[in-house]
Amino acid sequence: MILLRHGQSEFNLHFTATRKDPGIEDPRLTPLGHAQAEAAAEALAGEGIRRILASPYTRALQTAAPLARRLGLPVHVQPLVRERYAFKCDVGSPRDALAEAWPEHDFAHLEAVWWPQEEEGGDSVLSRARLFRGEMRERPDWPHTVVVCHWGFILAMTGQSVMNGQWLRVDPTEEGPLTVSWQHG
């Protein structure tokens, strides 16, 4: 499968410059983030993708949109691949607001408030990554799946830190990292 980190968000733009949480809940993509999403869609269009999963955060849904449009595939919303809850940007939009903003997606399986209400420990994210890895291992279509997710989730899955709009190939039949360093690069 391919793990694609969402494009640059309003949070990423400000946090990168200041290293301080700018206090933006569920941030949207910046113009650069939209360009990164389009570039990823173009680069991945020939990869034989048959399934697109995305985190329920707006920045991930916006990143998935160009690929879904290009390939004519639905986006399956998967809360397991959400970001580690550690900053104000990790406060999501409620299920009903997402359903209104994205009527083409199914959010019925989400809780009304689907994100944690307090900081999520690293062990919790690693556990989510192991659970997701196990679920994907059982799916015959995993080699043809793109997962639009986040820095912390990709780190938990691979032990690697990636930039906005970058992706990694991951074989879910292989073991993931047991520990990671949660320091932003």
N, C-alpha and C. Protein backbone atom coordinates (compact mmCIF):
# COMPACT_ATOMS: atom_id res chain seq x y z
N MET A 1 0.84 -1.18 0.00
CA MET A 1 0.00 0.00 0.00
C MET A 1 0.89 1.23 0.00
N ILE A 2 0.25 2.34 -0.32
CA ILE A 2 0.97 3.61 -0.33
C ILE A 2 0.39 4.50 0.76
N LEU A 3 1.24 5.00 1.65
CA LEU A 3 0.84 5.97 2.66
C LEU A 3 1.22 7.34 2.15
N LEU A 4 0.23 8.19 1.91
CA LEU A 4 0.43 9.54 1.39
C LEU A 4 0.14 10.54 2.50
N ARG A 5 1.13 11.36 2.85
CA ARG A 5 0.89 12.41 3.84
C ARG A 5 0.14 13.54 3.14
N HIS A 6 -0.84 14.08 3.83
CA HIS A 6 -1.63 15.18 3.28
C HIS A 6 -0.73 16.34 2.87
N GLY A 7 -1.25 17.18 1.97
CA GLY A 7 -0.53 18.37 1.54
C GLY A 7 -0.41 19.38 2.68
N GLN A 8 0.38 20.40 2.44
CA GLN A 8 0.61 21.43 3.46
C GLN A 8 -0.71 22.05 3.90
N SER A 9 -0.91 22.09 5.20
CA SER A 9 -2.11 22.71 5.77
C SER A 9 -1.76 24.09 6.32
N GLU A 10 -2.79 24.84 6.67
CA GLU A 10 -2.58 26.14 7.30
C GLU A 10 -1.75 25.97 8.58
N PHE A 11 -2.01 24.90 9.34
CA PHE A 11 -1.24 24.62 10.54
C PHE A 11 0.24 24.41 10.19
N ASN A 12 0.50 23.53 9.19
CA ASN A 12 1.89 23.24 8.82
C ASN A 12 2.64 24.50 8.43
N LEU A 13 1.99 25.38 7.68
CA LEU A 13 2.63 26.62 7.22
C LEU A 13 3.10 27.44 8.42
N HIS A 14 2.23 27.63 9.40
CA HIS A 14 2.58 28.46 10.56
C HIS A 14 3.50 27.74 11.54
N PHE A 15 3.24 26.46 11.78
CA PHE A 15 4.06 25.71 12.73
C PHE A 15 5.50 25.60 12.24
N THR A 16 5.68 25.36 10.95
CA THR A 16 7.03 25.25 10.39
C THR A 16 7.81 26.55 10.58
N ALA A 17 7.14 27.67 10.44
CA ALA A 17 7.81 28.97 10.57
C ALA A 17 8.10 29.35 12.01
N THR A 18 7.20 28.98 12.94
CA THR A 18 7.32 29.47 14.31
C THR A 18 7.62 28.40 15.35
N ARG A 19 7.36 27.12 15.00
CA ARG A 19 7.44 25.99 15.94
C ARG A 19 6.48 26.17 17.11
N LYS A 20 5.42 26.97 16.90
CA LYS A 20 4.38 27.18 17.91
C LYS A 20 3.04 26.80 17.31
N ASP A 21 2.18 26.20 18.13
CA ASP A 21 0.84 25.82 17.69
C ASP A 21 0.04 27.08 17.39
N PRO A 22 -0.40 27.28 16.13
CA PRO A 22 -1.15 28.49 15.79
C PRO A 22 -2.62 28.43 16.20
N GLY A 23 -3.07 27.30 16.77
CA GLY A 23 -4.43 27.22 17.28
C GLY A 23 -5.51 27.07 16.23
N ILE A 24 -5.19 26.46 15.10
CA ILE A 24 -6.16 26.27 14.02
C ILE A 24 -6.76 24.87 14.11
N GLU A 25 -8.07 24.79 14.32
CA GLU A 25 -8.75 23.49 14.37
C GLU A 25 -9.02 22.99 12.95
N ASP A 26 -8.84 21.69 12.75
CA ASP A 26 -9.11 21.01 11.48
C ASP A 26 -8.73 21.89 10.27
N PRO A 27 -7.46 22.26 10.16
CA PRO A 27 -7.06 23.20 9.11
C PRO A 27 -7.25 22.66 7.70
N ARG A 28 -7.44 23.58 6.80
CA ARG A 28 -7.57 23.28 5.38
C ARG A 28 -6.18 23.33 4.74
N LEU A 29 -6.12 22.87 3.51
CA LEU A 29 -4.86 22.96 2.75
C LEU A 29 -4.59 24.40 2.33
N THR A 30 -3.32 24.73 2.23
CA THR A 30 -2.89 26.00 1.65
C THR A 30 -2.86 25.83 0.14
N PRO A 31 -2.64 26.91 -0.61
CA PRO A 31 -2.47 26.74 -2.07
C PRO A 31 -1.35 25.75 -2.40
N LEU A 32 -0.24 25.80 -1.65
CA LEU A 32 0.83 24.82 -1.87
C LEU A 32 0.32 23.41 -1.59
N GLY A 33 -0.46 23.23 -0.52
CA GLY A 33 -1.02 21.93 -0.18
C GLY A 33 -1.90 21.39 -1.30
N HIS A 34 -2.71 22.26 -1.90
CA HIS A 34 -3.54 21.83 -3.03
C HIS A 34 -2.66 21.40 -4.21
N ALA A 35 -1.59 22.16 -4.45
CA ALA A 35 -0.66 21.80 -5.53
C ALA A 35 0.02 20.46 -5.24
N GLN A 36 0.38 20.23 -3.98
CA GLN A 36 0.98 18.94 -3.61
C GLN A 36 0.00 17.80 -3.81
N ALA A 37 -1.27 18.02 -3.49
CA ALA A 37 -2.30 17.00 -3.68
C ALA A 37 -2.47 16.69 -5.17
N GLU A 38 -2.49 17.71 -5.99
CA GLU A 38 -2.60 17.51 -7.45
C GLU A 38 -1.39 16.77 -7.99
N ALA A 39 -0.20 17.14 -7.52
CA ALA A 39 1.03 16.47 -7.98
C ALA A 39 1.04 15.01 -7.57
N ALA A 40 0.60 14.72 -6.36
CA ALA A 40 0.53 13.33 -5.90
C ALA A 40 -0.46 12.55 -6.75
N ALA A 41 -1.61 13.16 -7.05
CA ALA A 41 -2.62 12.48 -7.89
C ALA A 41 -2.04 12.15 -9.25
N GLU A 42 -1.32 13.09 -9.82
CA GLU A 42 -0.71 12.85 -11.14
C GLU A 42 0.32 11.74 -11.06
N ALA A 43 1.17 11.79 -10.05
CA ALA A 43 2.25 10.80 -9.92
C ALA A 43 1.71 9.40 -9.62
N LEU A 44 0.61 9.32 -8.87
CA LEU A 44 0.08 8.02 -8.46
C LEU A 44 -0.97 7.46 -9.42
N ALA A 45 -1.38 8.24 -10.40
CA ALA A 45 -2.45 7.83 -11.31
C ALA A 45 -2.14 6.53 -12.05
N GLY A 46 -0.89 6.25 -12.32
CA GLY A 46 -0.51 5.05 -13.06
C GLY A 46 -0.10 3.88 -12.18
N GLU A 47 -0.41 3.93 -10.90
CA GLU A 47 0.04 2.90 -9.95
C GLU A 47 -0.93 1.75 -9.75
N GLY A 48 -2.01 1.71 -10.52
CA GLY A 48 -2.96 0.62 -10.37
C GLY A 48 -3.79 0.71 -9.10
N ILE A 49 -4.03 1.92 -8.61
CA ILE A 49 -4.79 2.13 -7.38
C ILE A 49 -6.25 1.75 -7.63
N ARG A 50 -6.80 0.96 -6.69
CA ARG A 50 -8.20 0.55 -6.77
C ARG A 50 -9.00 0.97 -5.54
N ARG A 51 -8.28 1.46 -4.52
CA ARG A 51 -8.96 1.82 -3.27
C ARG A 51 -8.24 3.01 -2.64
N ILE A 52 -9.03 3.97 -2.18
CA ILE A 52 -8.49 5.16 -1.50
C ILE A 52 -9.11 5.23 -0.11
N LEU A 53 -8.25 5.24 0.90
CA LEU A 53 -8.67 5.46 2.28
C LEU A 53 -8.15 6.83 2.69
N ALA A 54 -8.91 7.53 3.53
CA ALA A 54 -8.43 8.82 4.03
C ALA A 54 -8.91 9.03 5.46
N SER A 55 -8.09 9.71 6.20
CA SER A 55 -8.43 10.17 7.54
C SER A 55 -9.60 11.14 7.43
N PRO A 56 -10.41 11.28 8.49
CA PRO A 56 -11.53 12.22 8.46
C PRO A 56 -11.15 13.70 8.58
N TYR A 57 -9.87 14.01 8.78
CA TYR A 57 -9.50 15.42 8.86
C TYR A 57 -9.63 16.08 7.49
N THR A 58 -10.06 17.33 7.47
CA THR A 58 -10.29 18.06 6.22
C THR A 58 -9.06 18.06 5.33
N ARG A 59 -7.88 18.23 5.90
CA ARG A 59 -6.67 18.29 5.08
C ARG A 59 -6.41 16.97 4.35
N ALA A 60 -6.77 15.84 4.97
CA ALA A 60 -6.61 14.54 4.31
C ALA A 60 -7.67 14.35 3.23
N LEU A 61 -8.90 14.74 3.52
CA LEU A 61 -9.98 14.62 2.52
C LEU A 61 -9.68 15.51 1.31
N GLN A 62 -9.16 16.71 1.56
CA GLN A 62 -8.80 17.59 0.44
C GLN A 62 -7.65 17.00 -0.37
N THR A 63 -6.72 16.32 0.28
CA THR A 63 -5.59 15.71 -0.43
C THR A 63 -6.05 14.52 -1.25
N ALA A 64 -7.00 13.77 -0.73
CA ALA A 64 -7.52 12.59 -1.45
C ALA A 64 -8.36 12.98 -2.67
N ALA A 65 -8.98 14.13 -2.64
CA ALA A 65 -9.95 14.52 -3.68
C ALA A 65 -9.40 14.48 -5.10
N PRO A 66 -8.22 15.05 -5.39
CA PRO A 66 -7.74 14.99 -6.77
C PRO A 66 -7.47 13.58 -7.28
N LEU A 67 -6.96 12.72 -6.43
CA LEU A 67 -6.70 11.34 -6.82
C LEU A 67 -8.02 10.61 -7.08
N ALA A 68 -8.99 10.80 -6.20
CA ALA A 68 -10.30 10.17 -6.37
C ALA A 68 -10.96 10.64 -7.67
N ARG A 69 -10.88 11.92 -7.93
CA ARG A 69 -11.46 12.49 -9.15
C ARG A 69 -10.78 11.91 -10.39
N ARG A 70 -9.47 11.89 -10.37
CA ARG A 70 -8.69 11.41 -11.51
C ARG A 70 -8.97 9.93 -11.79
N LEU A 71 -9.08 9.13 -10.74
CA LEU A 71 -9.26 7.68 -10.91
C LEU A 71 -10.73 7.25 -10.91
N GLY A 72 -11.64 8.17 -10.58
CA GLY A 72 -13.05 7.82 -10.52
C GLY A 72 -13.36 6.84 -9.40
N LEU A 73 -12.66 6.98 -8.28
CA LEU A 73 -12.84 6.08 -7.14
C LEU A 73 -13.45 6.83 -5.96
N PRO A 74 -14.23 6.13 -5.13
CA PRO A 74 -14.70 6.76 -3.90
C PRO A 74 -13.57 6.84 -2.87
N VAL A 75 -13.75 7.73 -1.92
CA VAL A 75 -12.83 7.83 -0.79
C VAL A 75 -13.53 7.18 0.40
N HIS A 76 -12.87 6.20 1.00
CA HIS A 76 -13.38 5.53 2.19
C HIS A 76 -12.75 6.20 3.41
N VAL A 77 -13.57 6.73 4.27
CA VAL A 77 -13.09 7.46 5.45
C VAL A 77 -12.74 6.46 6.54
N GLN A 78 -11.48 6.56 7.03
CA GLN A 78 -10.94 5.59 7.99
C GLN A 78 -10.34 6.34 9.18
N PRO A 79 -11.04 6.40 10.32
CA PRO A 79 -10.51 7.15 11.47
C PRO A 79 -9.26 6.54 12.10
N LEU A 80 -8.98 5.27 11.87
CA LEU A 80 -7.75 4.67 12.43
C LEU A 80 -6.49 5.38 11.95
N VAL A 81 -6.55 5.99 10.76
CA VAL A 81 -5.35 6.59 10.17
C VAL A 81 -5.23 8.09 10.48
N ARG A 82 -6.01 8.54 11.48
CA ARG A 82 -5.97 9.96 11.86
C ARG A 82 -4.61 10.32 12.47
N GLU A 83 -4.41 11.62 12.63
CA GLU A 83 -3.17 12.11 13.23
C GLU A 83 -3.17 11.83 14.74
N ARG A 84 -1.98 11.78 15.29
CA ARG A 84 -1.83 11.71 16.75
C ARG A 84 -2.40 13.00 17.31
N TYR A 85 -3.27 12.91 18.29
CA TYR A 85 -3.88 14.10 18.87
C TYR A 85 -2.88 14.74 19.83
N ALA A 86 -2.28 15.85 19.36
CA ALA A 86 -1.27 16.52 20.18
C ALA A 86 -1.32 18.04 20.06
N PHE A 87 -1.97 18.57 19.00
CA PHE A 87 -2.02 20.00 18.75
C PHE A 87 -3.47 20.42 18.48
N LYS A 88 -3.70 21.71 18.45
CA LYS A 88 -5.06 22.23 18.18
C LYS A 88 -5.56 21.78 16.80
N CYS A 89 -4.66 21.58 15.85
CA CYS A 89 -5.07 21.14 14.51
C CYS A 89 -5.65 19.73 14.52
N ASP A 90 -5.47 19.02 15.62
CA ASP A 90 -5.95 17.65 15.71
C ASP A 90 -7.37 17.57 16.30
N VAL A 91 -7.96 18.74 16.53
CA VAL A 91 -9.40 18.81 16.81
C VAL A 91 -10.06 18.75 15.44
N GLY A 92 -10.88 17.75 15.24
CA GLY A 92 -11.50 17.57 13.93
C GLY A 92 -12.81 18.32 13.80
N SER A 93 -13.45 18.11 12.67
CA SER A 93 -14.80 18.62 12.46
C SER A 93 -15.78 17.51 12.82
N PRO A 94 -16.89 17.85 13.46
CA PRO A 94 -17.87 16.82 13.82
C PRO A 94 -18.40 16.08 12.59
N ARG A 95 -18.83 14.85 12.82
CA ARG A 95 -19.33 14.00 11.73
C ARG A 95 -20.37 14.72 10.86
N ASP A 96 -21.34 15.40 11.47
CA ASP A 96 -22.38 16.05 10.68
C ASP A 96 -21.83 17.18 9.82
N ALA A 97 -20.86 17.92 10.33
CA ALA A 97 -20.23 18.98 9.53
C ALA A 97 -19.46 18.38 8.36
N LEU A 98 -18.77 17.27 8.60
CA LEU A 98 -18.06 16.59 7.50
C LEU A 98 -19.03 16.09 6.45
N ALA A 99 -20.15 15.50 6.89
CA ALA A 99 -21.14 14.97 5.95
C ALA A 99 -21.73 16.09 5.10
N GLU A 100 -21.91 17.26 5.69
CA GLU A 100 -22.43 18.40 4.93
C GLU A 100 -21.40 18.92 3.93
N ALA A 101 -20.13 19.00 4.36
CA ALA A 101 -19.06 19.51 3.49
C ALA A 101 -18.67 18.51 2.40
N TRP A 102 -18.81 17.22 2.68
CA TRP A 102 -18.37 16.17 1.77
C TRP A 102 -19.52 15.18 1.54
N PRO A 103 -20.60 15.59 0.89
CA PRO A 103 -21.77 14.70 0.74
C PRO A 103 -21.49 13.43 -0.06
N GLU A 104 -20.41 13.40 -0.82
CA GLU A 104 -20.08 12.22 -1.61
C GLU A 104 -19.41 11.11 -0.77
N HIS A 105 -19.05 11.41 0.47
CA HIS A 105 -18.40 10.43 1.34
C HIS A 105 -19.38 9.91 2.40
N ASP A 106 -19.11 8.71 2.88
CA ASP A 106 -19.93 8.10 3.92
C ASP A 106 -19.24 8.30 5.28
N PHE A 107 -19.90 9.02 6.17
CA PHE A 107 -19.37 9.26 7.51
C PHE A 107 -20.22 8.58 8.58
N ALA A 108 -21.20 7.78 8.17
CA ALA A 108 -22.15 7.19 9.11
C ALA A 108 -21.47 6.34 10.18
N HIS A 109 -20.32 5.75 9.87
CA HIS A 109 -19.62 4.88 10.82
C HIS A 109 -18.81 5.65 11.86
N LEU A 110 -18.72 6.97 11.73
CA LEU A 110 -17.96 7.78 12.69
C LEU A 110 -18.84 8.16 13.88
N GLU A 111 -18.21 8.28 15.03
CA GLU A 111 -18.87 8.89 16.17
C GLU A 111 -19.05 10.38 15.84
N ALA A 112 -20.00 11.05 16.51
CA ALA A 112 -20.21 12.48 16.26
C ALA A 112 -18.91 13.25 16.48
N VAL A 113 -18.22 12.94 17.57
CA VAL A 113 -16.87 13.47 17.85
C VAL A 113 -15.96 12.26 17.78
N TRP A 114 -15.19 12.16 16.72
CA TRP A 114 -14.41 10.96 16.41
C TRP A 114 -12.94 11.06 16.80
N TRP A 115 -12.48 12.21 17.20
CA TRP A 115 -11.08 12.41 17.59
C TRP A 115 -10.98 12.36 19.11
N PRO A 116 -9.80 12.05 19.66
CA PRO A 116 -9.63 12.01 21.12
C PRO A 116 -9.87 13.39 21.73
N GLN A 117 -10.17 13.40 23.00
CA GLN A 117 -10.43 14.66 23.70
C GLN A 117 -9.25 15.13 24.53
N GLU A 118 -8.18 14.32 24.54
CA GLU A 118 -6.96 14.73 25.25
C GLU A 118 -5.77 14.17 24.47
N GLU A 119 -4.60 14.70 24.78
CA GLU A 119 -3.40 14.29 24.04
C GLU A 119 -3.28 12.77 24.00
N GLU A 120 -2.95 12.29 22.83
CA GLU A 120 -2.83 10.85 22.60
C GLU A 120 -1.37 10.43 22.77
N GLY A 121 -1.14 9.47 23.61
CA GLY A 121 0.21 8.99 23.83
C GLY A 121 0.76 8.25 22.61
N GLY A 122 2.06 8.24 22.50
CA GLY A 122 2.72 7.56 21.38
C GLY A 122 2.37 6.08 21.30
N ASP A 123 2.24 5.42 22.45
CA ASP A 123 1.90 4.00 22.45
C ASP A 123 0.53 3.76 21.84
N SER A 124 -0.39 4.70 22.05
CA SER A 124 -1.73 4.59 21.47
C SER A 124 -1.68 4.65 19.95
N VAL A 125 -0.86 5.55 19.42
CA VAL A 125 -0.74 5.68 17.96
C VAL A 125 -0.08 4.43 17.38
N LEU A 126 0.94 3.93 18.05
CA LEU A 126 1.58 2.70 17.60
C LEU A 126 0.59 1.53 17.61
N SER A 127 -0.28 1.49 18.61
CA SER A 127 -1.31 0.44 18.68
C SER A 127 -2.29 0.57 17.53
N ARG A 128 -2.72 1.81 17.23
CA ARG A 128 -3.62 2.04 16.09
C ARG A 128 -2.95 1.59 14.80
N ALA A 129 -1.67 1.90 14.66
CA ALA A 129 -0.93 1.52 13.45
C ALA A 129 -0.86 -0.01 13.32
N ARG A 130 -0.61 -0.68 14.43
CA ARG A 130 -0.58 -2.16 14.40
C ARG A 130 -1.95 -2.74 14.03
N LEU A 131 -2.99 -2.17 14.59
CA LEU A 131 -4.34 -2.62 14.27
C LEU A 131 -4.64 -2.42 12.78
N PHE A 132 -4.31 -1.24 12.27
CA PHE A 132 -4.54 -0.95 10.86
C PHE A 132 -3.70 -1.88 9.97
N ARG A 133 -2.44 -2.08 10.33
CA ARG A 133 -1.56 -2.98 9.58
C ARG A 133 -2.19 -4.38 9.51
N GLY A 134 -2.73 -4.85 10.63
CA GLY A 134 -3.37 -6.16 10.66
C GLY A 134 -4.61 -6.22 9.78
N GLU A 135 -5.41 -5.16 9.83
CA GLU A 135 -6.61 -5.12 8.97
C GLU A 135 -6.22 -5.13 7.49
N MET A 136 -5.21 -4.35 7.14
CA MET A 136 -4.79 -4.28 5.74
C MET A 136 -4.17 -5.59 5.28
N ARG A 137 -3.45 -6.26 6.16
CA ARG A 137 -2.82 -7.54 5.84
C ARG A 137 -3.87 -8.54 5.34
N GLU A 138 -5.08 -8.45 5.88
CA GLU A 138 -6.16 -9.38 5.53
C GLU A 138 -6.87 -9.02 4.23
N ARG A 139 -6.61 -7.85 3.69
CA ARG A 139 -7.30 -7.41 2.47
C ARG A 139 -6.47 -7.78 1.23
N PRO A 140 -7.06 -8.47 0.28
CA PRO A 140 -6.30 -8.82 -0.92
C PRO A 140 -5.94 -7.60 -1.78
N ASP A 141 -6.64 -6.48 -1.58
CA ASP A 141 -6.38 -5.30 -2.41
C ASP A 141 -5.35 -4.35 -1.80
N TRP A 142 -4.68 -4.75 -0.70
CA TRP A 142 -3.74 -3.82 -0.07
C TRP A 142 -2.66 -3.31 -1.02
N PRO A 143 -2.15 -4.12 -1.98
CA PRO A 143 -1.12 -3.56 -2.86
C PRO A 143 -1.63 -2.44 -3.77
N HIS A 144 -2.95 -2.29 -3.86
CA HIS A 144 -3.56 -1.31 -4.76
C HIS A 144 -4.32 -0.24 -3.99
N THR A 145 -3.88 0.02 -2.75
CA THR A 145 -4.55 0.96 -1.87
C THR A 145 -3.64 2.14 -1.54
N VAL A 146 -4.22 3.34 -1.61
CA VAL A 146 -3.56 4.55 -1.12
C VAL A 146 -4.27 4.96 0.16
N VAL A 147 -3.47 5.31 1.17
CA VAL A 147 -4.00 5.75 2.46
C VAL A 147 -3.52 7.18 2.67
N VAL A 148 -4.46 8.13 2.64
CA VAL A 148 -4.11 9.54 2.84
C VAL A 148 -4.21 9.81 4.34
N CYS A 149 -3.05 10.09 4.92
CA CYS A 149 -2.99 10.19 6.38
C CYS A 149 -2.04 11.29 6.82
N HIS A 150 -1.32 11.07 7.90
CA HIS A 150 -0.64 12.16 8.60
C HIS A 150 0.77 11.78 9.05
N TRP A 151 1.53 12.81 9.41
CA TRP A 151 2.91 12.65 9.85
C TRP A 151 3.02 11.60 10.95
N GLY A 152 2.25 11.76 12.03
CA GLY A 152 2.37 10.87 13.18
C GLY A 152 1.96 9.44 12.87
N PHE A 153 0.91 9.29 12.07
CA PHE A 153 0.47 7.94 11.72
C PHE A 153 1.50 7.24 10.82
N ILE A 154 2.03 7.97 9.86
CA ILE A 154 3.06 7.38 8.99
C ILE A 154 4.30 7.03 9.81
N LEU A 155 4.66 7.89 10.75
CA LEU A 155 5.79 7.60 11.63
C LEU A 155 5.53 6.32 12.42
N ALA A 156 4.32 6.16 12.94
CA ALA A 156 3.98 4.95 13.71
C ALA A 156 3.97 3.71 12.82
N MET A 157 3.60 3.86 11.57
CA MET A 157 3.56 2.72 10.64
C MET A 157 4.95 2.31 10.15
N THR A 158 5.84 3.30 9.99
CA THR A 158 7.10 3.04 9.28
C THR A 158 8.36 3.41 10.05
N GLY A 159 8.24 4.26 11.06
CA GLY A 159 9.42 4.79 11.74
C GLY A 159 10.07 5.92 10.97
N GLN A 160 9.45 6.35 9.87
CA GLN A 160 10.01 7.41 9.03
C GLN A 160 9.15 8.66 9.07
N SER A 161 9.81 9.81 9.03
CA SER A 161 9.15 11.10 8.98
C SER A 161 9.12 11.56 7.53
N VAL A 162 7.94 11.90 7.04
CA VAL A 162 7.83 12.37 5.65
C VAL A 162 7.25 13.78 5.63
N MET A 163 7.55 14.48 4.56
CA MET A 163 7.08 15.85 4.37
C MET A 163 5.67 15.84 3.78
N ASN A 164 5.01 16.98 3.83
CA ASN A 164 3.69 17.12 3.24
C ASN A 164 3.73 16.74 1.76
N GLY A 165 2.75 15.94 1.33
CA GLY A 165 2.64 15.54 -0.06
C GLY A 165 3.54 14.38 -0.46
N GLN A 166 4.36 13.87 0.45
CA GLN A 166 5.23 12.73 0.14
C GLN A 166 4.53 11.43 0.51
N TRP A 167 5.01 10.34 -0.06
CA TRP A 167 4.43 9.04 0.24
C TRP A 167 5.50 7.98 0.36
N LEU A 168 5.09 6.89 1.02
CA LEU A 168 5.94 5.72 1.20
C LEU A 168 5.15 4.48 0.84
N ARG A 169 5.83 3.48 0.31
CA ARG A 169 5.21 2.18 0.08
C ARG A 169 5.43 1.33 1.34
N VAL A 170 4.37 0.66 1.75
CA VAL A 170 4.42 -0.14 2.97
C VAL A 170 3.79 -1.49 2.69
N ASP A 171 4.48 -2.53 3.13
CA ASP A 171 3.96 -3.88 3.03
C ASP A 171 3.40 -4.24 4.40
N PRO A 172 2.07 -4.37 4.54
CA PRO A 172 1.50 -4.63 5.87
C PRO A 172 1.79 -6.04 6.40
N THR A 173 2.35 -6.90 5.57
CA THR A 173 2.71 -8.23 6.07
C THR A 173 4.02 -8.19 6.84
N GLU A 174 4.74 -7.08 6.73
CA GLU A 174 5.98 -6.89 7.49
C GLU A 174 5.64 -6.19 8.81
N GLU A 175 6.48 -6.41 9.80
CA GLU A 175 6.27 -5.78 11.10
C GLU A 175 6.64 -4.30 11.05
N GLY A 176 5.91 -3.50 11.80
CA GLY A 176 6.22 -2.08 11.92
C GLY A 176 7.14 -1.82 13.08
N PRO A 177 7.48 -0.56 13.32
CA PRO A 177 8.38 -0.22 14.42
C PRO A 177 7.74 -0.47 15.79
N LEU A 178 8.56 -0.82 16.76
CA LEU A 178 8.07 -1.01 18.12
C LEU A 178 8.04 0.30 18.90
N THR A 179 8.95 1.20 18.55
CA THR A 179 9.01 2.53 19.17
C THR A 179 9.41 3.54 18.10
N VAL A 180 9.09 4.81 18.34
CA VAL A 180 9.50 5.88 17.45
C VAL A 180 9.82 7.11 18.28
N SER A 181 10.53 8.06 17.68
CA SER A 181 10.79 9.35 18.32
C SER A 181 9.74 10.32 17.79
N TRP A 182 8.99 10.93 18.69
CA TRP A 182 7.88 11.81 18.30
C TRP A 182 8.34 13.25 18.09
N GLN A 183 9.60 13.47 17.82
CA GLN A 183 10.10 14.81 17.56
C GLN A 183 9.89 15.18 16.09
N HIS A 184 9.23 16.30 15.84
CA HIS A 184 9.06 16.78 14.46
C HIS A 184 10.41 17.19 13.92
N GLY A 185 10.65 16.79 12.67
CA GLY A 185 11.92 17.10 12.02
C GLY A 185 12.06 18.54 11.62
